[in-house]
C-alpha atoms as a PDB file:
ATOM      1  CA  MET A   1     171.794 -33.581 108.215  1.00  0.00           C
ATOM      2  CA  ASP A   2     173.159 -29.881 108.531  1.00  0.00           C
ATOM      3  CA  ALA A   3     177.298 -28.637 109.236  1.00  0.00           C
ATOM      4  CA  GLU A   4     176.671 -27.831 112.948  1.00  0.00           C
ATOM      5  CA  THR A   5     174.865 -31.478 113.628  1.00  0.00           C
ATOM      6  CA  PHE A   6     177.702 -33.185 112.112  1.00  0.00           C
ATOM      7  CA  GLU A   7     180.465 -30.558 113.955  1.00  0.00           C
ATOM      8  CA  GLU A   8     179.055 -31.953 117.327  1.00  0.00           C
ATOM      9  CA  LYS A   9     178.678 -35.564 116.905  1.00  0.00           C
ATOM     10  CA  LYS A  10     181.344 -36.363 114.306  1.00  0.00           C
ATOM     11  CA  PHE A  11     183.701 -37.599 116.931  1.00  0.00           C
ATOM     12  CA  THR A  12     180.634 -39.186 119.118  1.00  0.00           C
ATOM     13  CA  ASP A  13     178.099 -39.940 117.057  1.00  0.00           C
ATOM     14  CA  PHE A  14     178.896 -40.689 113.705  1.00  0.00           C
ATOM     15  CA  PHE A  15     182.416 -42.005 114.431  1.00  0.00           C
ATOM     16  CA  PRO A  16     181.443 -45.575 113.791  1.00  0.00           C
ATOM     17  CA  GLN A  17     180.202 -44.643 110.355  1.00  0.00           C
ATOM     18  CA  LEU A  18     183.208 -42.022 109.848  1.00  0.00           C
ATOM     19  CA  GLN A  19     185.664 -45.523 110.391  1.00  0.00           C
ATOM     20  CA  GLN A  20     183.405 -47.044 108.058  1.00  0.00           C
ATOM     21  CA  ALA A  21     183.620 -44.638 105.144  1.00  0.00           C
ATOM     22  CA  TYR A  22     187.488 -44.258 105.704  1.00  0.00           C
ATOM     23  CA  LYS A  23     187.958 -47.888 105.491  1.00  0.00           C
ATOM     24  CA  ASN A  24     185.783 -48.629 102.508  1.00  0.00           C
ATOM     25  CA  ALA A  25     187.686 -45.806 100.619  1.00  0.00           C
ATOM     26  CA  PHE A  26     190.835 -47.342 101.478  1.00  0.00           C
ATOM     27  CA  ASN A  27     189.596 -50.727 100.641  1.00  0.00           C
ATOM     28  CA  ARG A  28     189.033 -49.287  97.129  1.00  0.00           C
ATOM     29  CA  ILE A  29     191.943 -47.214  96.859  1.00  0.00           C
ATOM     30  CA  ASN A  30     194.313 -50.165  98.020  1.00  0.00           C
ATOM     31  CA  GLU A  31     192.988 -52.120  95.201  1.00  0.00           C
ATOM     32  CA  THR A  32     194.169 -49.457  92.485  1.00  0.00           C
ATOM     33  CA  TYR A  33     197.683 -48.485  94.083  1.00  0.00           C
ATOM     34  CA  ASP A  34     200.798 -49.554  96.064  1.00  0.00           C
ATOM     35  CA  SER A  35     199.734 -50.656  99.314  1.00  0.00           C
ATOM     36  CA  THR A  36     203.008 -49.434 100.693  1.00  0.00           C
ATOM     37  CA  LEU A  37     201.927 -45.891  99.678  1.00  0.00           C
ATOM     38  CA  VAL A  38     198.161 -46.173 100.314  1.00  0.00           C
ATOM     39  CA  HIS A  39     198.946 -47.320 103.823  1.00  0.00           C
ATOM     40  CA  GLY A  40     201.828 -44.263 103.986  1.00  0.00           C
ATOM     41  CA  ILE A  41     199.532 -41.643 103.033  1.00  0.00           C
ATOM     42  CA  ASP A  42     196.434 -43.247 105.341  1.00  0.00           C
ATOM     43  CA  GLN A  43     198.718 -43.439 108.512  1.00  0.00           C
ATOM     44  CA  GLN A  44     201.103 -40.492 107.916  1.00  0.00           C
ATOM     45  CA  VAL A  45     198.877 -37.779 106.203  1.00  0.00           C
ATOM     46  CA  LEU A  46     194.955 -38.461 106.576  1.00  0.00           C
ATOM     47  CA  ASN A  47     195.317 -39.689 110.077  1.00  0.00           C
ATOM     48  CA  GLU A  48     195.683 -36.090 110.632  1.00  0.00           C
ATOM     49  CA  SER A  49     192.949 -34.871 108.439  1.00  0.00           C
ATOM     50  CA  GLU A  50     189.281 -34.026 109.509  1.00  0.00           C
ATOM     51  CA  PRO A  51     186.302 -34.447 107.665  1.00  0.00           C
ATOM     52  CA  VAL A  52     184.140 -31.182 107.265  1.00  0.00           C
ATOM     53  CA  TYR A  53     180.778 -30.919 106.092  1.00  0.00           C
ATOM     54  CA  ASP A  54     179.074 -27.848 104.550  1.00  0.00           C
ATOM     55  CA  ASP A  55     175.778 -26.971 104.081  1.00  0.00           C
ATOM     56  CA  GLU A  56     176.225 -25.908 100.815  1.00  0.00           C
ATOM     57  CA  GLU A  57     179.029 -27.994  99.484  1.00  0.00           C
ATOM     58  CA  GLY A  58     178.736 -31.421 101.239  1.00  0.00           C
ATOM     59  CA  PHE A  59     181.632 -32.830 102.646  1.00  0.00           C
ATOM     60  CA  ARG A  60     185.365 -31.918 102.086  1.00  0.00           C
ATOM     61  CA  LEU A  61     188.448 -33.326 103.676  1.00  0.00           C
ATOM     62  CA  GLU A  62     191.054 -30.945 105.106  1.00  0.00           C
ATOM     63  CA  LEU A  63     194.486 -31.981 105.561  1.00  0.00           C
ATOM     64  CA  PRO A  64     197.372 -31.347 107.420  1.00  0.00           C
ATOM     65  CA  GLU A  65     200.259 -29.036 105.649  1.00  0.00           C
ATOM     66  CA  ASP A  66     202.527 -29.912 103.999  1.00  0.00           C
ATOM     67  CA  PRO A  67     201.366 -33.822 103.171  1.00  0.00           C
ATOM     68  CA  TYR A  68     204.488 -34.737 100.734  1.00  0.00           C
ATOM     69  CA  ASP A  69     206.676 -34.215 103.861  1.00  0.00           C
ATOM     70  CA  ARG A  70     205.019 -35.763 106.573  1.00  0.00           C
ATOM     71  CA  LEU A  71     205.504 -39.089 104.219  1.00  0.00           C
ATOM     72  CA  THR A  72     208.331 -40.924 105.574  1.00  0.00           C
ATOM     73  CA  GLY A  73     209.311 -44.590 105.164  1.00  0.00           C
ATOM     74  CA  VAL A  74     208.061 -44.649 101.578  1.00  0.00           C
ATOM     75  CA  VAL A  75     210.222 -44.258  97.822  1.00  0.00           C
ATOM     76  CA  THR A  76     207.819 -42.289  95.988  1.00  0.00           C
ATOM     77  CA  THR A  77     207.774 -39.364  93.736  1.00  0.00           C
ATOM     78  CA  GLU A  78     205.752 -35.921  95.018  1.00  0.00           C
ATOM     79  CA  GLU A  79     203.282 -36.246  91.138  1.00  0.00           C
ATOM     80  CA  LYS A  80     202.619 -40.286  92.264  1.00  0.00           C
ATOM     81  CA  PHE A  81     202.282 -39.120  95.967  1.00  0.00           C
ATOM     82  CA  GLU A  82     200.061 -35.946  95.329  1.00  0.00           C
ATOM     83  CA  THR A  83     197.616 -38.364  92.489  1.00  0.00           C
ATOM     84  CA  VAL A  84     197.232 -41.552  94.581  1.00  0.00           C
ATOM     85  CA  LEU A  85     196.043 -38.655  97.341  1.00  0.00           C
ATOM     86  CA  GLU A  86     193.979 -36.222  95.491  1.00  0.00           C
ATOM     87  CA  GLU A  87     192.187 -39.762  94.349  1.00  0.00           C
ATOM     88  CA  TYR A  88     192.050 -40.899  98.027  1.00  0.00           C
ATOM     89  CA  VAL A  89     190.556 -37.709  99.625  1.00  0.00           C
ATOM     90  CA  GLU A  90     187.728 -37.975  96.523  1.00  0.00           C
ATOM     91  CA  GLU A  91     187.046 -41.193  97.533  1.00  0.00           C
ATOM     92  CA  ILE A  92     186.938 -40.041 101.086  1.00  0.00           C
ATOM     93  CA  GLU A  93     184.579 -37.142 100.410  1.00  0.00           C
ATOM     94  CA  ASP A  94     182.218 -39.501  97.934  1.00  0.00           C
ATOM     95  CA  GLU A  95     182.136 -42.279 100.653  1.00  0.00           C
ATOM     96  CA  LEU A  96     181.322 -39.616 103.746  1.00  0.00           C
ATOM     97  CA  GLU A  97     178.487 -37.911 101.044  1.00  0.00           C
ATOM     98  CA  ARG A  98     176.922 -41.782 100.397  1.00  0.00           C
ATOM     99  CA  THR A  99     177.221 -42.575 104.381  1.00  0.00           C
ATOM    100  CA  PHE A 100     175.409 -39.584 105.228  1.00  0.00           C
ATOM    101  CA  GLU A 101     173.413 -38.694 102.637  1.00  0.00           C
ATOM    102  CA  ASN A 102     169.586 -38.354 103.903  1.00  0.00           C
END
């Protein structure tokens, strides 16, 4: 796969694989961290993220601006939020690599 193909097909042909990759990452992170925080990150931050594929660097997740400020209804420290978000993003990126590796 190349970056152009992924960009063209990510929300059409590749959408089921993207959903499964996000779900797999969610399940793993949810086993490790407070589910309220994980659900908050999933629904209020990652719902606005976008997977991007680079031919040289692989997959990465583009997050919305000020992700901590987007989180509402969840009591947590910014440090804890950043830790969970970072691990969650890494898990999604790893899962995307596994899903789309050729």
